[in-house]
């Protein structure tokens, strides 16, 4: 139990004293980048799925 308490104390010190947290502006720009990348990736996957579905339909109807 002592090791767990020590771990919690060290984790708290590390998170409050040693970690450099991003600024609000940097956090917003990073979040925007993640959202845009996610939308682009979703669109690419949609196009691939759409083309593959129609290709398979064409092949199976022959």
PDB file of N, CA and C in Angstrom:
ATOM      1  N   UNK A   1       0.828  -1.189   0.000  1.00  0.00           N
ATOM      2  CA  UNK A   1       0.000   0.000   0.000  1.00  0.00           C
ATOM      3  C   UNK A   1       0.871   1.251   0.000  1.00  0.00           C
ATOM      4  N   UNK A   2       2.014   1.165   0.616  1.00  0.00           N
ATOM      5  CA  UNK A   2       2.929   2.307   0.684  1.00  0.00           C
ATOM      6  C   UNK A   2       3.446   2.677  -0.710  1.00  0.00           C
ATOM      7  N   UNK A   3       3.701   1.655  -1.538  1.00  0.00           N
ATOM      8  CA  UNK A   3       4.179   1.906  -2.890  1.00  0.00           C
ATOM      9  C   UNK A   3       3.124   2.642  -3.710  1.00  0.00           C
ATOM     10  N   UNK A   4       1.872   2.277  -3.515  1.00  0.00           N
ATOM     11  CA  UNK A   4       0.795   2.920  -4.249  1.00  0.00           C
ATOM     12  C   UNK A   4       0.660   4.390  -3.855  1.00  0.00           C
ATOM     13  N   UNK A   5       0.744   4.670  -2.576  1.00  0.00           N
ATOM     14  CA  UNK A   5       0.667   6.055  -2.105  1.00  0.00           C
ATOM     15  C   UNK A   5       1.842   6.861  -2.648  1.00  0.00           C
ATOM     16  N   UNK A   6       3.024   6.285  -2.619  1.00  0.00           N
ATOM     17  CA  UNK A   6       4.206   6.955  -3.151  1.00  0.00           C
ATOM     18  C   UNK A   6       4.039   7.224  -4.656  1.00  0.00           C
ATOM     19  N   UNK A   7       3.497   6.255  -5.369  1.00  0.00           N
ATOM     20  CA  UNK A   7       3.252   6.411  -6.801  1.00  0.00           C
ATOM     21  C   UNK A   7       2.291   7.576  -7.056  1.00  0.00           C
ATOM     22  N   UNK A   8       1.222   7.662  -6.269  1.00  0.00           N
ATOM     23  CA  UNK A   8       0.244   8.737  -6.433  1.00  0.00           C
ATOM     24  C   UNK A   8       0.874  10.096  -6.162  1.00  0.00           C
ATOM     25  N   UNK A   9       1.690  10.185  -5.128  1.00  0.00           N
ATOM     26  CA  UNK A   9       2.364  11.450  -4.804  1.00  0.00           C
ATOM     27  C   UNK A   9       3.325  11.860  -5.912  1.00  0.00           C
ATOM     28  N   UNK A  10       4.107  10.920  -6.399  1.00  0.00           N
ATOM     29  CA  UNK A  10       5.064  11.229  -7.464  1.00  0.00           C
ATOM     30  C   UNK A  10       4.349  11.610  -8.759  1.00  0.00           C
ATOM     31  N   UNK A  11       3.248  10.946  -9.036  1.00  0.00           N
ATOM     32  CA  UNK A  11       2.474  11.283 -10.229  1.00  0.00           C
ATOM     33  C   UNK A  11       1.912  12.694 -10.140  1.00  0.00           C
ATOM     34  N   UNK A  12       1.411  13.058  -8.974  1.00  0.00           N
ATOM     35  CA  UNK A  12       0.866  14.401  -8.775  1.00  0.00           C
ATOM     36  C   UNK A  12       1.957  15.458  -8.963  1.00  0.00           C
ATOM     37  N   UNK A  13       3.114  15.222  -8.379  1.00  0.00           N
ATOM     38  CA  UNK A  13       4.217  16.176  -8.511  1.00  0.00           C
ATOM     39  C   UNK A  13       4.638  16.298  -9.969  1.00  0.00           C
ATOM     40  N   UNK A  14       4.710  15.189 -10.659  1.00  0.00           N
ATOM     41  CA  UNK A  14       5.113  15.225 -12.058  1.00  0.00           C
ATOM     42  C   UNK A  14       4.106  15.982 -12.909  1.00  0.00           C
ATOM     43  N   UNK A  15       2.824  15.751 -12.666  1.00  0.00           N
ATOM     44  CA  UNK A  15       1.796  16.420 -13.459  1.00  0.00           C
ATOM     45  C   UNK A  15       1.683  17.910 -13.160  1.00  0.00           C
ATOM     46  N   UNK A  16       1.996  18.313 -11.938  1.00  0.00           N
ATOM     47  CA  UNK A  16       1.854  19.722 -11.581  1.00  0.00           C
ATOM     48  C   UNK A  16       3.141  20.519 -11.725  1.00  0.00           C
ATOM     49  N   UNK A  17       4.291  19.894 -11.604  1.00  0.00           N
ATOM     50  CA  UNK A  17       5.552  20.639 -11.607  1.00  0.00           C
ATOM     51  C   UNK A  17       6.411  20.399 -12.855  1.00  0.00           C
ATOM     52  N   UNK A  18       6.364  19.198 -13.428  1.00  0.00           N
ATOM     53  CA  UNK A  18       7.312  18.844 -14.482  1.00  0.00           C
ATOM     54  C   UNK A  18       6.722  18.875 -15.886  1.00  0.00           C
ATOM     55  N   UNK A  19       5.420  18.694 -16.022  1.00  0.00           N
ATOM     56  CA  UNK A  19       4.790  18.648 -17.337  1.00  0.00           C
ATOM     57  C   UNK A  19       4.539  20.071 -17.813  1.00  0.00           C
ATOM     58  N   UNK A  20       4.879  20.341 -19.080  1.00  0.00           N
ATOM     59  CA  UNK A  20       4.542  21.636 -19.664  1.00  0.00           C
ATOM     60  C   UNK A  20       3.266  21.463 -20.474  1.00  0.00           C
ATOM     61  N   UNK A  21       2.209  22.100 -20.025  1.00  0.00           N
ATOM     62  CA  UNK A  21       0.913  21.981 -20.667  1.00  0.00           C
ATOM     63  C   UNK A  21       0.828  22.978 -21.817  1.00  0.00           C
ATOM     64  N   UNK A  22       0.118  22.635 -22.894  1.00  0.00           N
ATOM     65  CA  UNK A  22       0.012  23.566 -24.025  1.00  0.00           C
ATOM     66  C   UNK A  22      -0.846  24.781 -23.669  1.00  0.00           C
ATOM     67  N   UNK A  23      -0.586  25.864 -24.388  1.00  0.00           N
ATOM     68  CA  UNK A  23      -1.411  27.050 -24.194  1.00  0.00           C
ATOM     69  C   UNK A  23      -2.782  26.812 -24.811  1.00  0.00           C
ATOM     70  N   UNK A  24      -3.736  27.688 -24.464  1.00  0.00           N
ATOM     71  CA  UNK A  24      -5.100  27.530 -24.961  1.00  0.00           C
ATOM     72  C   UNK A  24      -5.134  27.621 -26.489  1.00  0.00           C
ATOM     73  N   UNK A  25      -4.378  28.560 -27.070  1.00  0.00           N
ATOM     74  CA  UNK A  25      -4.361  28.714 -28.525  1.00  0.00           C
ATOM     75  C   UNK A  25      -3.766  27.484 -29.215  1.00  0.00           C
ATOM     76  N   UNK A  26      -2.697  26.956 -28.665  1.00  0.00           N
ATOM     77  CA  UNK A  26      -2.081  25.767 -29.246  1.00  0.00           C
ATOM     78  C   UNK A  26      -3.021  24.568 -29.129  1.00  0.00           C
ATOM     79  N   UNK A  27      -3.713  24.470 -28.019  1.00  0.00           N
ATOM     80  CA  UNK A  27      -4.671  23.386 -27.823  1.00  0.00           C
ATOM     81  C   UNK A  27      -5.812  23.471 -28.831  1.00  0.00           C
ATOM     82  N   UNK A  28      -6.302  24.681 -29.075  1.00  0.00           N
ATOM     83  CA  UNK A  28      -7.378  24.873 -30.049  1.00  0.00           C
ATOM     84  C   UNK A  28      -6.918  24.522 -31.457  1.00  0.00           C
ATOM     85  N   UNK A  29      -5.720  24.957 -31.828  1.00  0.00           N
ATOM     86  CA  UNK A  29      -5.242  24.660 -33.177  1.00  0.00           C
ATOM     87  C   UNK A  29      -4.996  23.163 -33.353  1.00  0.00           C
ATOM     88  N   UNK A  30      -4.517  22.496 -32.324  1.00  0.00           N
ATOM     89  CA  UNK A  30      -4.315  21.050 -32.398  1.00  0.00           C
ATOM     90  C   UNK A  30      -5.652  20.318 -32.516  1.00  0.00           C
ATOM     91  N   UNK A  31      -6.638  20.760 -31.766  1.00  0.00           N
ATOM     92  CA  UNK A  31      -7.961  20.129 -31.832  1.00  0.00           C
ATOM     93  C   UNK A  31      -8.578  20.342 -33.210  1.00  0.00           C
ATOM     94  N   UNK A  32      -8.406  21.533 -33.776  1.00  0.00           N
ATOM     95  CA  UNK A  32      -8.925  21.804 -35.111  1.00  0.00           C
ATOM     96  C   UNK A  32      -8.239  20.928 -36.148  1.00  0.00           C
ATOM     97  N   UNK A  33      -6.951  20.761 -36.021  1.00  0.00           N
ATOM     98  CA  UNK A  33      -6.203  19.900 -36.938  1.00  0.00           C
ATOM     99  C   UNK A  33      -6.700  18.455 -36.869  1.00  0.00           C
ATOM    100  N   UNK A  34      -6.950  17.968 -35.670  1.00  0.00           N
ATOM    101  CA  UNK A  34      -7.457  16.598 -35.496  1.00  0.00           C
ATOM    102  C   UNK A  34      -8.840  16.451 -36.122  1.00  0.00           C
ATOM    103  N   UNK A  35      -9.708  17.445 -35.929  1.00  0.00           N
ATOM    104  CA  UNK A  35     -11.055  17.367 -36.495  1.00  0.00           C
ATOM    105  C   UNK A  35     -11.024  17.399 -38.021  1.00  0.00           C
ATOM    106  N   UNK A  36     -10.217  18.278 -38.594  1.00  0.00           N
ATOM    107  CA  UNK A  36     -10.131  18.364 -40.058  1.00  0.00           C
ATOM    108  C   UNK A  36      -9.557  17.075 -40.633  1.00  0.00           C
ATOM    109  N   UNK A  37      -8.509  16.554 -40.008  1.00  0.00           N
ATOM    110  CA  UNK A  37      -7.911  15.302 -40.469  1.00  0.00           C
ATOM    111  C   UNK A  37      -8.911  14.156 -40.387  1.00  0.00           C
ATOM    112  N   UNK A  38      -9.693  14.110 -39.332  1.00  0.00           N
ATOM    113  CA  UNK A  38     -10.700  13.063 -39.168  1.00  0.00           C
ATOM    114  C   UNK A  38     -11.764  13.142 -40.253  1.00  0.00           C
ATOM    115  N   UNK A  39     -12.218  14.348 -40.570  1.00  0.00           N
ATOM    116  CA  UNK A  39     -13.232  14.513 -41.618  1.00  0.00           C
ATOM    117  C   UNK A  39     -12.672  14.101 -42.972  1.00  0.00           C
ATOM    118  N   UNK A  40     -11.438  14.513 -43.267  1.00  0.00           N
ATOM    119  CA  UNK A  40     -10.814  14.140 -44.542  1.00  0.00           C
ATOM    120  C   UNK A  40     -10.661  12.627 -44.641  1.00  0.00           C
ATOM    121  N   UNK A  41     -10.187  12.000 -43.584  1.00  0.00           N
ATOM    122  CA  UNK A  41     -10.023  10.548 -43.586  1.00  0.00           C
ATOM    123  C   UNK A  41     -11.368   9.840 -43.741  1.00  0.00           C
ATOM    124  N   UNK A  42     -12.405  10.345 -43.091  1.00  0.00           N
ATOM    125  CA  UNK A  42     -13.736   9.750 -43.219  1.00  0.00           C
ATOM    126  C   UNK A  42     -14.236   9.858 -44.653  1.00  0.00           C
ATOM    127  N   UNK A  43     -13.998  10.999 -45.294  1.00  0.00           N
ATOM    128  CA  UNK A  43     -14.423  11.161 -46.684  1.00  0.00           C
ATOM    129  C   UNK A  43     -13.663  10.225 -47.612  1.00  0.00           C
ATOM    130  N   UNK A  44     -12.371  10.088 -47.401  1.00  0.00           N
ATOM    131  CA  UNK A  44     -11.566   9.174 -48.223  1.00  0.00           C
ATOM    132  C   UNK A  44     -12.062   7.741 -48.061  1.00  0.00           C
ATOM    133  N   UNK A  45     -12.309   7.329 -46.834  1.00  0.00           N
ATOM    134  CA  UNK A  45     -12.810   5.968 -46.600  1.00  0.00           C
ATOM    135  C   UNK A  45     -14.196   5.768 -47.202  1.00  0.00           C
ATOM    136  N   UNK A  46     -15.026   6.808 -47.163  1.00  0.00           N
ATOM    137  CA  UNK A  46     -16.350   6.718 -47.775  1.00  0.00           C
ATOM    138  C   UNK A  46     -16.231   6.508 -49.280  1.00  0.00           C
ATOM    139  N   UNK A  47     -15.351   7.259 -49.919  1.00  0.00           N
ATOM    140  CA  UNK A  47     -15.163   7.115 -51.371  1.00  0.00           C
ATOM    141  C   UNK A  47     -14.640   5.730 -51.703  1.00  0.00           C
ATOM    142  N   UNK A  48     -13.667   5.247 -50.958  1.00  0.00           N
ATOM    143  CA  UNK A  48     -13.126   3.905 -51.197  1.00  0.00           C
ATOM    144  C   UNK A  48     -14.221   2.855 -51.029  1.00  0.00           C
ATOM    145  N   UNK A  49     -15.007   2.969 -49.984  1.00  0.00           N
ATOM    146  CA  UNK A  49     -16.094   2.018 -49.742  1.00  0.00           C
ATOM    147  C   UNK A  49     -17.147   2.088 -50.849  1.00  0.00           C
ATOM    148  N   UNK A  50     -17.488   3.280 -51.270  1.00  0.00           N
ATOM    149  CA  UNK A  50     -18.478   3.477 -52.324  1.00  0.00           C
ATOM    150  C   UNK A  50     -18.016   2.839 -53.639  1.00  0.00           C
ATOM    151  N   UNK A  51     -16.773   3.100 -54.012  1.00  0.00           N
ATOM    152  CA  UNK A  51     -16.222   2.534 -55.248  1.00  0.00           C
ATOM    153  C   UNK A  51     -16.146   1.010 -55.153  1.00  0.00           C
ATOM    154  N   UNK A  52     -15.666   0.510 -54.027  1.00  0.00           N
ATOM    155  CA  UNK A  52     -15.548  -0.936 -53.854  1.00  0.00           C
ATOM    156  C   UNK A  52     -16.911  -1.616 -53.901  1.00  0.00           C
ATOM    157  N   UNK A  53     -17.912  -1.007 -53.272  1.00  0.00           N
ATOM    158  CA  UNK A  53     -19.255  -1.582 -53.280  1.00  0.00           C
ATOM    159  C   UNK A  53     -19.791  -1.669 -54.703  1.00  0.00           C
ATOM    160  N   UNK A  54     -19.647  -0.607 -55.471  1.00  0.00           N
ATOM    161  CA  UNK A  54     -20.158  -0.620 -56.839  1.00  0.00           C
ATOM    162  C   UNK A  54     -19.339  -1.561 -57.733  1.00  0.00           C
ATOM    163  N   UNK A  55     -18.082  -1.641 -57.493  1.00  0.00           N
ATOM    164  CA  UNK A  55     -17.239  -2.573 -58.251  1.00  0.00           C
ATOM    165  C   UNK A  55     -17.649  -4.015 -57.982  1.00  0.00           C
ATOM    166  N   UNK A  56     -17.876  -4.355 -56.732  1.00  0.00           N
ATOM    167  CA  UNK A  56     -18.298  -5.711 -56.384  1.00  0.00           C
ATOM    168  C   UNK A  56     -19.689  -6.006 -56.942  1.00  0.00           C
ATOM    169  N   UNK A  57     -20.575  -5.032 -56.897  1.00  0.00           N
ATOM    170  CA  UNK A  57     -21.917  -5.222 -57.473  1.00  0.00           C
ATOM    171  C   UNK A  57     -21.816  -5.497 -58.966  1.00  0.00           C
ATOM    172  N   UNK A  58     -20.961  -4.746 -59.650  1.00  0.00           N
ATOM    173  CA  UNK A  58     -20.756  -4.940 -61.091  1.00  0.00           C
ATOM    174  C   UNK A  58     -20.189  -6.332 -61.371  1.00  0.00           C
ATOM    175  N   UNK A  59     -19.224  -6.764 -60.582  1.00  0.00           N
ATOM    176  CA  UNK A  59     -18.606  -8.080 -60.784  1.00  0.00           C
ATOM    177  C   UNK A  59     -19.617  -9.191 -60.534  1.00  0.00           C
ATOM    178  N   UNK A  60     -20.414  -9.079 -59.467  1.00  0.00           N
ATOM    179  CA  UNK A  60     -21.353 -10.148 -59.127  1.00  0.00           C
ATOM    180  C   UNK A  60     -22.543 -10.219 -60.080  1.00  0.00           C
ATOM    181  N   UNK A  61     -22.850  -9.137 -60.762  1.00  0.00           N
ATOM    182  CA  UNK A  61     -23.985  -9.174 -61.693  1.00  0.00           C
ATOM    183  C   UNK A  61     -23.598  -9.674 -63.064  1.00  0.00           C
ATOM    184  N   UNK A  62     -22.344  -9.948 -63.303  1.00  0.00           N
ATOM    185  CA  UNK A  62     -21.909 -10.463 -64.608  1.00  0.00           C
ATOM    186  C   UNK A  62     -22.342 -11.894 -64.810  1.00  0.00           C
TER     187      UNK A  62
END
